[in-house]
């Protein structure tokens, strides 16, 4: 996994500040900001293994 692959998989979930956010009609499905000390992500949806791998790569390698 590299940044290009992760960006392709995560699409518009990647924000300009490198945070990850997405919304659905039911509310927030993914929310992550790397400046939170415990580096946790809120996930409230079904994700593929490729999406989970891209999310994990992003959390390890990108900073907000």
N, C-alpha and C. Protein backbone atom coordinates (compact mmCIF):
# COMPACT_ATOMS: atom_id res chain seq x y z
N UNK A 1 0.86 -1.17 0.00
CA UNK A 1 0.00 0.00 0.00
C UNK A 1 0.90 1.23 0.00
N UNK A 2 0.52 2.22 -0.80
CA UNK A 2 1.20 3.50 -0.79
C UNK A 2 0.12 4.60 -0.83
N UNK A 3 0.56 5.86 -0.82
CA UNK A 3 -0.40 6.95 -0.75
C UNK A 3 -1.35 6.98 -1.95
N UNK A 4 -0.83 6.75 -3.14
CA UNK A 4 -1.69 6.76 -4.33
C UNK A 4 -2.77 5.70 -4.26
N UNK A 5 -2.39 4.48 -3.83
CA UNK A 5 -3.37 3.40 -3.70
C UNK A 5 -4.40 3.73 -2.64
N UNK A 6 -3.93 4.25 -1.50
CA UNK A 6 -4.85 4.59 -0.41
C UNK A 6 -5.82 5.68 -0.85
N UNK A 7 -5.32 6.71 -1.53
CA UNK A 7 -6.19 7.78 -2.02
C UNK A 7 -7.24 7.25 -3.00
N UNK A 8 -6.83 6.33 -3.86
CA UNK A 8 -7.76 5.77 -4.83
C UNK A 8 -8.87 4.99 -4.12
N UNK A 9 -8.51 4.22 -3.11
CA UNK A 9 -9.48 3.41 -2.37
C UNK A 9 -10.40 4.29 -1.51
N UNK A 10 -9.81 5.28 -0.84
CA UNK A 10 -10.57 6.10 0.10
C UNK A 10 -11.34 7.23 -0.57
N UNK A 11 -10.93 7.61 -1.75
CA UNK A 11 -11.66 8.62 -2.53
C UNK A 11 -11.87 9.92 -1.79
N UNK A 12 -13.12 10.40 -1.83
CA UNK A 12 -13.41 11.70 -1.23
C UNK A 12 -13.49 11.68 0.29
N UNK A 13 -13.16 10.55 0.91
CA UNK A 13 -13.04 10.51 2.37
C UNK A 13 -11.81 11.27 2.83
N UNK A 14 -10.79 11.37 1.96
CA UNK A 14 -9.57 12.09 2.29
C UNK A 14 -9.85 13.58 2.14
N UNK A 15 -9.66 14.31 3.22
CA UNK A 15 -9.91 15.75 3.24
C UNK A 15 -8.61 16.51 2.94
N UNK A 16 -8.73 17.80 2.66
CA UNK A 16 -7.58 18.63 2.31
C UNK A 16 -6.52 18.65 3.41
N UNK A 17 -6.93 18.50 4.67
CA UNK A 17 -5.97 18.50 5.79
C UNK A 17 -5.47 17.10 6.13
N UNK A 18 -5.75 16.11 5.26
CA UNK A 18 -5.36 14.71 5.42
C UNK A 18 -6.19 13.94 6.45
N UNK A 19 -7.22 14.58 7.02
CA UNK A 19 -8.11 13.83 7.90
C UNK A 19 -9.00 12.94 7.03
N UNK A 20 -9.68 11.99 7.65
CA UNK A 20 -10.62 11.11 6.96
C UNK A 20 -12.01 11.35 7.52
N UNK A 21 -12.94 11.73 6.65
CA UNK A 21 -14.32 11.97 7.07
C UNK A 21 -15.25 11.59 5.94
N UNK A 22 -16.35 11.00 6.28
CA UNK A 22 -17.40 10.74 5.31
C UNK A 22 -18.73 10.75 6.04
N UNK A 23 -19.76 11.09 5.33
CA UNK A 23 -21.10 11.11 5.91
C UNK A 23 -22.05 10.32 5.02
N UNK A 24 -23.07 9.78 5.65
CA UNK A 24 -24.16 9.14 4.90
C UNK A 24 -25.45 9.77 5.37
N UNK A 25 -26.55 9.34 4.82
CA UNK A 25 -27.84 9.85 5.25
C UNK A 25 -28.11 9.55 6.72
N UNK A 26 -27.48 8.48 7.23
CA UNK A 26 -27.69 8.08 8.63
C UNK A 26 -26.73 8.76 9.59
N UNK A 27 -25.79 9.56 9.09
CA UNK A 27 -24.84 10.24 9.97
C UNK A 27 -23.41 9.98 9.57
N UNK A 28 -22.50 10.27 10.46
CA UNK A 28 -21.08 10.13 10.20
C UNK A 28 -20.67 8.66 10.18
N UNK A 29 -19.98 8.24 9.14
CA UNK A 29 -19.58 6.83 9.00
C UNK A 29 -18.10 6.63 9.27
N UNK A 30 -17.29 7.66 9.04
CA UNK A 30 -15.86 7.56 9.31
C UNK A 30 -15.37 8.93 9.74
N UNK A 31 -14.61 8.97 10.83
CA UNK A 31 -14.06 10.23 11.30
C UNK A 31 -12.71 9.98 11.94
N UNK A 32 -11.67 10.61 11.40
CA UNK A 32 -10.32 10.49 11.96
C UNK A 32 -9.56 11.77 11.77
N UNK A 33 -8.93 12.23 12.83
CA UNK A 33 -8.01 13.36 12.79
C UNK A 33 -6.77 12.93 13.55
N UNK A 34 -5.61 13.04 12.91
CA UNK A 34 -4.40 12.48 13.50
C UNK A 34 -3.89 13.25 14.70
N UNK A 35 -4.44 14.40 15.00
CA UNK A 35 -3.96 15.15 16.17
C UNK A 35 -4.62 14.69 17.47
N UNK A 36 -5.53 13.72 17.39
CA UNK A 36 -6.11 13.14 18.60
C UNK A 36 -5.06 12.20 19.21
N UNK A 37 -4.69 12.42 20.48
CA UNK A 37 -3.55 11.69 21.07
C UNK A 37 -3.59 10.17 20.94
N UNK A 38 -4.76 9.55 21.05
CA UNK A 38 -4.81 8.09 21.02
C UNK A 38 -4.91 7.54 19.60
N UNK A 39 -4.98 8.40 18.60
CA UNK A 39 -5.03 7.99 17.19
C UNK A 39 -6.09 6.92 16.93
N UNK A 40 -7.30 7.21 17.35
CA UNK A 40 -8.41 6.29 17.09
C UNK A 40 -9.28 6.84 15.97
N UNK A 41 -10.02 5.94 15.33
CA UNK A 41 -10.93 6.32 14.27
C UNK A 41 -12.32 5.83 14.64
N UNK A 42 -13.32 6.62 14.32
CA UNK A 42 -14.70 6.22 14.53
C UNK A 42 -15.22 5.67 13.20
N UNK A 43 -15.61 4.40 13.20
CA UNK A 43 -16.17 3.75 12.01
C UNK A 43 -17.58 3.29 12.33
N UNK A 44 -18.51 3.63 11.46
CA UNK A 44 -19.90 3.27 11.68
C UNK A 44 -20.53 2.85 10.36
N UNK A 45 -19.96 1.82 9.75
CA UNK A 45 -20.44 1.36 8.45
C UNK A 45 -19.75 0.04 8.14
N UNK A 46 -20.03 -0.55 7.01
CA UNK A 46 -19.34 -1.76 6.55
C UNK A 46 -18.22 -1.35 5.61
N UNK A 47 -17.03 -1.93 5.80
CA UNK A 47 -15.86 -1.59 5.00
C UNK A 47 -15.24 -2.87 4.45
N UNK A 48 -14.71 -2.79 3.23
CA UNK A 48 -14.00 -3.93 2.64
C UNK A 48 -12.62 -4.04 3.26
N UNK A 49 -11.99 -5.18 3.09
CA UNK A 49 -10.64 -5.37 3.60
C UNK A 49 -9.69 -4.36 2.96
N UNK A 50 -9.90 -4.04 1.68
CA UNK A 50 -9.06 -3.05 1.01
C UNK A 50 -9.24 -1.67 1.65
N UNK A 51 -10.48 -1.33 1.99
CA UNK A 51 -10.72 -0.05 2.65
C UNK A 51 -10.08 -0.02 4.04
N UNK A 52 -10.20 -1.11 4.77
CA UNK A 52 -9.60 -1.18 6.10
C UNK A 52 -8.09 -1.06 6.00
N UNK A 53 -7.48 -1.73 5.03
CA UNK A 53 -6.03 -1.62 4.84
C UNK A 53 -5.63 -0.20 4.48
N UNK A 54 -6.41 0.46 3.61
CA UNK A 54 -6.11 1.84 3.23
C UNK A 54 -6.27 2.79 4.42
N UNK A 55 -7.31 2.57 5.22
CA UNK A 55 -7.51 3.38 6.43
C UNK A 55 -6.33 3.21 7.38
N UNK A 56 -5.92 1.97 7.60
CA UNK A 56 -4.79 1.71 8.50
C UNK A 56 -3.52 2.35 7.96
N UNK A 57 -3.28 2.24 6.66
CA UNK A 57 -2.08 2.85 6.06
C UNK A 57 -2.13 4.36 6.30
N UNK A 58 -3.30 4.96 6.03
CA UNK A 58 -3.45 6.41 6.18
C UNK A 58 -3.17 6.84 7.61
N UNK A 59 -3.72 6.11 8.56
CA UNK A 59 -3.53 6.47 9.98
C UNK A 59 -2.07 6.34 10.40
N UNK A 60 -1.35 5.37 9.85
CA UNK A 60 0.06 5.20 10.21
C UNK A 60 0.95 6.23 9.55
N UNK A 61 0.59 6.69 8.38
CA UNK A 61 1.53 7.46 7.57
C UNK A 61 1.20 8.92 7.32
N UNK A 62 -0.01 9.35 7.59
CA UNK A 62 -0.38 10.74 7.31
C UNK A 62 -0.63 11.51 8.60
N UNK A 63 -0.38 12.78 8.53
CA UNK A 63 -0.61 13.66 9.68
C UNK A 63 -1.52 14.80 9.24
N UNK A 64 -2.36 15.23 10.13
CA UNK A 64 -3.25 16.37 9.86
C UNK A 64 -2.48 17.64 10.18
